[in-house]
Amino acid sequence: MPMLNERKYTIETEQETDGRWIAEVIEIPGVLAYGDTLEQAQANVEALTFRIMAEEIEENTSNTVFGFSNIVFSLS
């Protein structure tokens, strides 16, 4: 059985002055998302990260072996 690839991403969050939350995946420049709550911002940025990964697979631009990966998000 092939070994799974593990991708680890760090999510940094901050509350804006208008009350909204912003979440950013540090390992992927430009990947950030807003939400009305901390949880919503985190969920939005995770969903965006999965969309980017899917696009990499579709366009065959990923630097990893294709297949299932173990994806880990950690909050900083």
PDB file of N, CA and C in Angstrom:
ATOM      1  N   MET A   1       0.849  -1.180   0.000  1.00  0.00           N
ATOM      2  CA  MET A   1       0.000   0.000   0.000  1.00  0.00           C
ATOM      3  C   MET A   1       0.897   1.247   0.000  1.00  0.00           C
ATOM      4  N   PRO A   2       0.634   2.213  -0.894  1.00  0.00           N
ATOM      5  CA  PRO A   2       1.479   3.410  -0.948  1.00  0.00           C
ATOM      6  C   PRO A   2       1.312   4.266   0.299  1.00  0.00           C
ATOM      7  N   MET A   3       2.398   4.939   0.653  1.00  0.00           N
ATOM      8  CA  MET A   3       2.375   5.820   1.813  1.00  0.00           C
ATOM      9  C   MET A   3       1.616   7.103   1.475  1.00  0.00           C
ATOM     10  N   LEU A   4       0.841   7.582   2.414  1.00  0.00           N
ATOM     11  CA  LEU A   4       0.092   8.815   2.207  1.00  0.00           C
ATOM     12  C   LEU A   4       1.016  10.019   2.304  1.00  0.00           C
ATOM     13  N   ASN A   5       0.744  11.008   1.499  1.00  0.00           N
ATOM     14  CA  ASN A   5       1.447  12.273   1.614  1.00  0.00           C
ATOM     15  C   ASN A   5       0.784  13.070   2.718  1.00  0.00           C
ATOM     16  N   GLU A   6       1.578  13.754   3.518  1.00  0.00           N
ATOM     17  CA  GLU A   6       0.998  14.599   4.556  1.00  0.00           C
ATOM     18  C   GLU A   6       1.316  16.041   4.239  1.00  0.00           C
ATOM     19  N   ARG A   7       0.300  16.832   4.233  1.00  0.00           N
ATOM     20  CA  ARG A   7       0.458  18.269   4.038  1.00  0.00           C
ATOM     21  C   ARG A   7       0.000  18.955   5.308  1.00  0.00           C
ATOM     22  N   LYS A   8       0.852  19.812   5.834  1.00  0.00           N
ATOM     23  CA  LYS A   8       0.515  20.543   7.057  1.00  0.00           C
ATOM     24  C   LYS A   8       0.409  22.026   6.721  1.00  0.00           C
ATOM     25  N   TYR A   9      -0.673  22.618   7.193  1.00  0.00           N
ATOM     26  CA  TYR A   9      -0.911  24.036   6.961  1.00  0.00           C
ATOM     27  C   TYR A   9      -1.183  24.738   8.284  1.00  0.00           C
ATOM     28  N   THR A  10      -0.653  25.935   8.399  1.00  0.00           N
ATOM     29  CA  THR A  10      -0.860  26.748   9.592  1.00  0.00           C
ATOM     30  C   THR A  10      -1.823  27.870   9.256  1.00  0.00           C
ATOM     31  N   ILE A  11      -2.858  28.007  10.062  1.00  0.00           N
ATOM     32  CA  ILE A  11      -3.834  29.074   9.867  1.00  0.00           C
ATOM     33  C   ILE A  11      -3.599  30.145  10.921  1.00  0.00           C
ATOM     34  N   GLU A  12      -3.344  31.348  10.467  1.00  0.00           N
ATOM     35  CA  GLU A  12      -3.254  32.494  11.380  1.00  0.00           C
ATOM     36  C   GLU A  12      -4.544  33.291  11.256  1.00  0.00           C
ATOM     37  N   THR A  13      -5.050  33.740  12.376  1.00  0.00           N
ATOM     38  CA  THR A  13      -6.301  34.502  12.377  1.00  0.00           C
ATOM     39  C   THR A  13      -6.113  35.823  13.085  1.00  0.00           C
ATOM     40  N   GLU A  14      -6.957  36.766  12.693  1.00  0.00           N
ATOM     41  CA  GLU A  14      -6.932  38.092  13.306  1.00  0.00           C
ATOM     42  C   GLU A  14      -8.313  38.719  13.145  1.00  0.00           C
ATOM     43  N   GLN A  15      -8.726  39.447  14.153  1.00  0.00           N
ATOM     44  CA  GLN A  15     -10.003  40.135  14.055  1.00  0.00           C
ATOM     45  C   GLN A  15      -9.770  41.554  13.550  1.00  0.00           C
ATOM     46  N   GLU A  16     -10.511  41.916  12.517  1.00  0.00           N
ATOM     47  CA  GLU A  16     -10.412  43.242  11.923  1.00  0.00           C
ATOM     48  C   GLU A  16     -11.132  44.268  12.811  1.00  0.00           C
ATOM     49  N   THR A  17     -10.880  45.532  12.567  1.00  0.00           N
ATOM     50  CA  THR A  17     -11.510  46.591  13.368  1.00  0.00           C
ATOM     51  C   THR A  17     -13.022  46.644  13.186  1.00  0.00           C
ATOM     52  N   ASP A  18     -13.509  46.139  12.051  1.00  0.00           N
ATOM     53  CA  ASP A  18     -14.955  46.131  11.807  1.00  0.00           C
ATOM     54  C   ASP A  18     -15.640  44.901  12.403  1.00  0.00           C
ATOM     55  N   GLY A  19     -14.868  44.038  13.103  1.00  0.00           N
ATOM     56  CA  GLY A  19     -15.441  42.881  13.766  1.00  0.00           C
ATOM     57  C   GLY A  19     -15.319  41.577  12.991  1.00  0.00           C
ATOM     58  N   ARG A  20     -15.070  41.674  11.682  1.00  0.00           N
ATOM     59  CA  ARG A  20     -14.912  40.449  10.888  1.00  0.00           C
ATOM     60  C   ARG A  20     -13.592  39.782  11.244  1.00  0.00           C
ATOM     61  N   TRP A  21     -13.512  38.478  10.952  1.00  0.00           N
ATOM     62  CA  TRP A  21     -12.291  37.718  11.169  1.00  0.00           C
ATOM     63  C   TRP A  21     -11.643  37.418   9.829  1.00  0.00           C
ATOM     64  N   ILE A  22     -10.319  37.418   9.803  1.00  0.00           N
ATOM     65  CA  ILE A  22      -9.569  37.017   8.619  1.00  0.00           C
ATOM     66  C   ILE A  22      -8.701  35.830   9.014  1.00  0.00           C
ATOM     67  N   ALA A  23      -8.660  34.827   8.154  1.00  0.00           N
ATOM     68  CA  ALA A  23      -7.829  33.647   8.361  1.00  0.00           C
ATOM     69  C   ALA A  23      -6.926  33.494   7.145  1.00  0.00           C
ATOM     70  N   GLU A  24      -5.659  33.149   7.397  1.00  0.00           N
ATOM     71  CA  GLU A  24      -4.675  33.041   6.326  1.00  0.00           C
ATOM     72  C   GLU A  24      -3.891  31.750   6.491  1.00  0.00           C
ATOM     73  N   VAL A  25      -3.682  31.035   5.383  1.00  0.00           N
ATOM     74  CA  VAL A  25      -2.822  29.854   5.382  1.00  0.00           C
ATOM     75  C   VAL A  25      -1.415  30.340   5.059  1.00  0.00           C
ATOM     76  N   ILE A  26      -0.532  30.231   6.049  1.00  0.00           N
ATOM     77  CA  ILE A  26       0.809  30.803   5.944  1.00  0.00           C
ATOM     78  C   ILE A  26       1.636  30.154   4.829  1.00  0.00           C
ATOM     79  N   GLU A  27       1.484  28.863   4.636  1.00  0.00           N
ATOM     80  CA  GLU A  27       2.305  28.142   3.666  1.00  0.00           C
ATOM     81  C   GLU A  27       1.921  28.396   2.211  1.00  0.00           C
ATOM     82  N   ILE A  28       0.776  29.010   1.963  1.00  0.00           N
ATOM     83  CA  ILE A  28       0.342  29.278   0.589  1.00  0.00           C
ATOM     84  C   ILE A  28       0.083  30.780   0.457  1.00  0.00           C
ATOM     85  N   PRO A  29       1.018  31.513  -0.133  1.00  0.00           N
ATOM     86  CA  PRO A  29       0.866  32.965  -0.249  1.00  0.00           C
ATOM     87  C   PRO A  29      -0.449  33.355  -0.919  1.00  0.00           C
ATOM     88  N   GLY A  30      -1.124  34.317  -0.337  1.00  0.00           N
ATOM     89  CA  GLY A  30      -2.350  34.841  -0.920  1.00  0.00           C
ATOM     90  C   GLY A  30      -3.615  34.096  -0.556  1.00  0.00           C
ATOM     91  N   VAL A  31      -3.504  33.017   0.210  1.00  0.00           N
ATOM     92  CA  VAL A  31      -4.696  32.253   0.583  1.00  0.00           C
ATOM     93  C   VAL A  31      -5.214  32.790   1.906  1.00  0.00           C
ATOM     94  N   LEU A  32      -6.278  33.569   1.803  1.00  0.00           N
ATOM     95  CA  LEU A  32      -6.911  34.128   2.993  1.00  0.00           C
ATOM     96  C   LEU A  32      -8.393  34.265   2.743  1.00  0.00           C
ATOM     97  N   ALA A  33      -9.142  34.276   3.841  1.00  0.00           N
ATOM     98  CA  ALA A  33     -10.599  34.350   3.726  1.00  0.00           C
ATOM     99  C   ALA A  33     -11.157  35.048   4.957  1.00  0.00           C
ATOM    100  N   TYR A  34     -12.266  35.716   4.756  1.00  0.00           N
ATOM    101  CA  TYR A  34     -12.952  36.418   5.839  1.00  0.00           C
ATOM    102  C   TYR A  34     -14.152  35.609   6.323  1.00  0.00           C
ATOM    103  N   GLY A  35     -14.595  35.926   7.516  1.00  0.00           N
ATOM    104  CA  GLY A  35     -15.814  35.357   8.066  1.00  0.00           C
ATOM    105  C   GLY A  35     -16.352  36.254   9.158  1.00  0.00           C
ATOM    106  N   ASP A  36     -17.644  36.152   9.405  1.00  0.00           N
ATOM    107  CA  ASP A  36     -18.250  36.943  10.481  1.00  0.00           C
ATOM    108  C   ASP A  36     -17.821  36.448  11.854  1.00  0.00           C
ATOM    109  N   THR A  37     -17.432  35.156  11.919  1.00  0.00           N
ATOM    110  CA  THR A  37     -16.951  34.577  13.172  1.00  0.00           C
ATOM    111  C   THR A  37     -15.584  33.940  12.907  1.00  0.00           C
ATOM    112  N   LEU A  38     -14.866  33.663  13.980  1.00  0.00           N
ATOM    113  CA  LEU A  38     -13.577  32.997  13.864  1.00  0.00           C
ATOM    114  C   LEU A  38     -13.738  31.652  13.174  1.00  0.00           C
ATOM    115  N   GLU A  39     -14.746  30.897  13.587  1.00  0.00           N
ATOM    116  CA  GLU A  39     -14.974  29.569  13.014  1.00  0.00           C
ATOM    117  C   GLU A  39     -15.305  29.640  11.533  1.00  0.00           C
ATOM    118  N   GLN A  40     -16.087  30.642  11.138  1.00  0.00           N
ATOM    119  CA  GLN A  40     -16.460  30.792   9.733  1.00  0.00           C
ATOM    120  C   GLN A  40     -15.235  31.150   8.890  1.00  0.00           C
ATOM    121  N   ALA A  41     -14.386  32.027   9.398  1.00  0.00           N
ATOM    122  CA  ALA A  41     -13.168  32.392   8.664  1.00  0.00           C
ATOM    123  C   ALA A  41     -12.255  31.185   8.499  1.00  0.00           C
ATOM    124  N   GLN A  42     -12.116  30.379   9.554  1.00  0.00           N
ATOM    125  CA  GLN A  42     -11.287  29.179   9.473  1.00  0.00           C
ATOM    126  C   GLN A  42     -11.856  28.188   8.467  1.00  0.00           C
ATOM    127  N   ALA A  43     -13.147  27.970   8.503  1.00  0.00           N
ATOM    128  CA  ALA A  43     -13.791  27.045   7.562  1.00  0.00           C
ATOM    129  C   ALA A  43     -13.643  27.553   6.130  1.00  0.00           C
ATOM    130  N   ASN A  44     -13.798  28.850   5.931  1.00  0.00           N
ATOM    131  CA  ASN A  44     -13.677  29.424   4.585  1.00  0.00           C
ATOM    132  C   ASN A  44     -12.265  29.246   4.030  1.00  0.00           C
ATOM    133  N   VAL A  45     -11.241  29.465   4.858  1.00  0.00           N
ATOM    134  CA  VAL A  45      -9.871  29.351   4.356  1.00  0.00           C
ATOM    135  C   VAL A  45      -9.495  27.879   4.134  1.00  0.00           C
ATOM    136  N   GLU A  46     -10.035  26.970   4.934  1.00  0.00           N
ATOM    137  CA  GLU A  46      -9.803  25.549   4.689  1.00  0.00           C
ATOM    138  C   GLU A  46     -10.437  25.125   3.369  1.00  0.00           C
ATOM    139  N   ALA A  47     -11.653  25.580   3.109  1.00  0.00           N
ATOM    140  CA  ALA A  47     -12.335  25.254   1.850  1.00  0.00           C
ATOM    141  C   ALA A  47     -11.553  25.804   0.658  1.00  0.00           C
ATOM    142  N   LEU A  48     -11.040  27.009   0.781  1.00  0.00           N
ATOM    143  CA  LEU A  48     -10.249  27.606  -0.294  1.00  0.00           C
ATOM    144  C   LEU A  48      -8.983  26.791  -0.539  1.00  0.00           C
ATOM    145  N   THR A  49      -8.347  26.335   0.523  1.00  0.00           N
ATOM    146  CA  THR A  49      -7.141  25.509   0.387  1.00  0.00           C
ATOM    147  C   THR A  49      -7.451  24.214  -0.357  1.00  0.00           C
ATOM    148  N   PHE A  50      -8.576  23.577  -0.033  1.00  0.00           N
ATOM    149  CA  PHE A  50      -8.957  22.353  -0.741  1.00  0.00           C
ATOM    150  C   PHE A  50      -9.235  22.626  -2.216  1.00  0.00           C
ATOM    151  N   ARG A  51      -9.834  23.775  -2.522  1.00  0.00           N
ATOM    152  CA  ARG A  51     -10.083  24.123  -3.931  1.00  0.00           C
ATOM    153  C   ARG A  51      -8.772  24.280  -4.693  1.00  0.00           C
ATOM    154  N   ILE A  52      -7.793  24.909  -4.052  1.00  0.00           N
ATOM    155  CA  ILE A  52      -6.486  25.093  -4.693  1.00  0.00           C
ATOM    156  C   ILE A  52      -5.809  23.750  -4.919  1.00  0.00           C
ATOM    157  N   MET A  53      -5.893  22.850  -3.939  1.00  0.00           N
ATOM    158  CA  MET A  53      -5.310  21.520  -4.091  1.00  0.00           C
ATOM    159  C   MET A  53      -5.989  20.763  -5.229  1.00  0.00           C
ATOM    160  N   ALA A  54      -7.300  20.862  -5.325  1.00  0.00           N
ATOM    161  CA  ALA A  54      -8.032  20.188  -6.399  1.00  0.00           C
ATOM    162  C   ALA A  54      -7.605  20.737  -7.759  1.00  0.00           C
ATOM    163  N   GLU A  55      -7.406  22.036  -7.837  1.00  0.00           N
ATOM    164  CA  GLU A  55      -6.960  22.646  -9.084  1.00  0.00           C
ATOM    165  C   GLU A  55      -5.560  22.160  -9.454  1.00  0.00           C
ATOM    166  N   GLU A  56      -4.679  22.030  -8.467  1.00  0.00           N
ATOM    167  CA  GLU A  56      -3.337  21.501  -8.735  1.00  0.00           C
ATOM    168  C   GLU A  56      -3.415  20.104  -9.344  1.00  0.00           C
ATOM    169  N   ILE A  57      -4.290  19.277  -8.790  1.00  0.00           N
ATOM    170  CA  ILE A  57      -4.433  17.910  -9.295  1.00  0.00           C
ATOM    171  C   ILE A  57      -5.004  17.924 -10.712  1.00  0.00           C
ATOM    172  N   GLU A  58      -6.038  18.742 -10.929  1.00  0.00           N
ATOM    173  CA  GLU A  58      -6.649  18.817 -12.261  1.00  0.00           C
ATOM    174  C   GLU A  58      -5.655  19.308 -13.310  1.00  0.00           C
ATOM    175  N   GLU A  59      -4.830  20.273 -12.946  1.00  0.00           N
ATOM    176  CA  GLU A  59      -3.884  20.847 -13.894  1.00  0.00           C
ATOM    177  C   GLU A  59      -2.527  20.156 -13.862  1.00  0.00           C
ATOM    178  N   ASN A  60      -2.406  19.147 -12.989  1.00  0.00           N
ATOM    179  CA  ASN A  60      -1.165  18.386 -12.856  1.00  0.00           C
ATOM    180  C   ASN A  60       0.020  19.292 -12.521  1.00  0.00           C
ATOM    181  N   THR A  61      -0.178  20.230 -11.590  1.00  0.00           N
ATOM    182  CA  THR A  61       0.896  21.133 -11.188  1.00  0.00           C
ATOM    183  C   THR A  61       1.380  20.877  -9.762  1.00  0.00           C
ATOM    184  N   SER A  62       0.868  19.843  -9.126  1.00  0.00           N
ATOM    185  CA  SER A  62       1.272  19.539  -7.762  1.00  0.00           C
ATOM    186  C   SER A  62       2.662  18.924  -7.746  1.00  0.00           C
ATOM    187  N   ASN A  63       3.449  19.253  -6.727  1.00  0.00           N
ATOM    188  CA  ASN A  63       4.786  18.687  -6.583  1.00  0.00           C
ATOM    189  C   ASN A  63       4.781  17.371  -5.818  1.00  0.00           C
ATOM    190  N   THR A  64       3.622  16.864  -5.484  1.00  0.00           N
ATOM    191  CA  THR A  64       3.542  15.633  -4.708  1.00  0.00           C
ATOM    192  C   THR A  64       2.942  14.531  -5.560  1.00  0.00           C
ATOM    193  N   VAL A  65       3.083  13.324  -5.097  1.00  0.00           N
ATOM    194  CA  VAL A  65       2.458  12.178  -5.765  1.00  0.00           C
ATOM    195  C   VAL A  65       0.958  12.288  -5.582  1.00  0.00           C
ATOM    196  N   PHE A  66       0.218  12.080  -6.649  1.00  0.00           N
ATOM    197  CA  PHE A  66      -1.227  12.185  -6.551  1.00  0.00           C
ATOM    198  C   PHE A  66      -1.809  11.016  -5.790  1.00  0.00           C
ATOM    199  N   GLY A  67      -2.934  11.228  -5.221  1.00  0.00           N
ATOM    200  CA  GLY A  67      -3.604  10.221  -4.419  1.00  0.00           C
ATOM    201  C   GLY A  67      -4.102  10.883  -3.156  1.00  0.00           C
ATOM    202  N   PHE A  68      -4.545  10.067  -2.259  1.00  0.00           N
ATOM    203  CA  PHE A  68      -5.072  10.613  -1.024  1.00  0.00           C
ATOM    204  C   PHE A  68      -3.936  11.122  -0.155  1.00  0.00           C
ATOM    205  N   SER A  69      -4.167  12.233   0.488  1.00  0.00           N
ATOM    206  CA  SER A  69      -3.187  12.828   1.382  1.00  0.00           C
ATOM    207  C   SER A  69      -3.791  12.999   2.748  1.00  0.00           C
ATOM    208  N   ASN A  70      -2.941  13.036   3.733  1.00  0.00           N
ATOM    209  CA  ASN A  70      -3.364  13.389   5.083  1.00  0.00           C
ATOM    210  C   ASN A  70      -3.180  14.894   5.203  1.00  0.00           C
ATOM    211  N   ILE A  71      -4.273  15.622   5.370  1.00  0.00           N
ATOM    212  CA  ILE A  71      -4.238  17.073   5.447  1.00  0.00           C
ATOM    213  C   ILE A  71      -4.421  17.486   6.897  1.00  0.00           C
ATOM    214  N   VAL A  72      -3.507  18.327   7.392  1.00  0.00           N
ATOM    215  CA  VAL A  72      -3.545  18.775   8.772  1.00  0.00           C
ATOM    216  C   VAL A  72      -3.550  20.295   8.804  1.00  0.00           C
ATOM    217  N   PHE A  73      -4.547  20.875   9.447  1.00  0.00           N
ATOM    218  CA  PHE A  73      -4.574  22.313   9.677  1.00  0.00           C
ATOM    219  C   PHE A  73      -4.298  22.542  11.143  1.00  0.00           C
ATOM    220  N   SER A  74      -3.417  23.475  11.457  1.00  0.00           N
ATOM    221  CA  SER A  74      -3.189  23.836  12.856  1.00  0.00           C
ATOM    222  C   SER A  74      -3.332  25.341  12.990  1.00  0.00           C
ATOM    223  N   LEU A  75      -3.883  25.748  14.113  1.00  0.00           N
ATOM    224  CA  LEU A  75      -4.082  27.167  14.377  1.00  0.00           C
ATOM    225  C   LEU A  75      -2.851  27.714  15.069  1.00  0.00           C
ATOM    226  N   SER A  76      -2.462  28.898  14.669  1.00  0.00           N
ATOM    227  CA  SER A  76      -1.293  29.499  15.317  1.00  0.00           C
ATOM    228  C   SER A  76      -1.722  30.521  16.347  1.00  0.00           C
TER     229      SER A  76
END
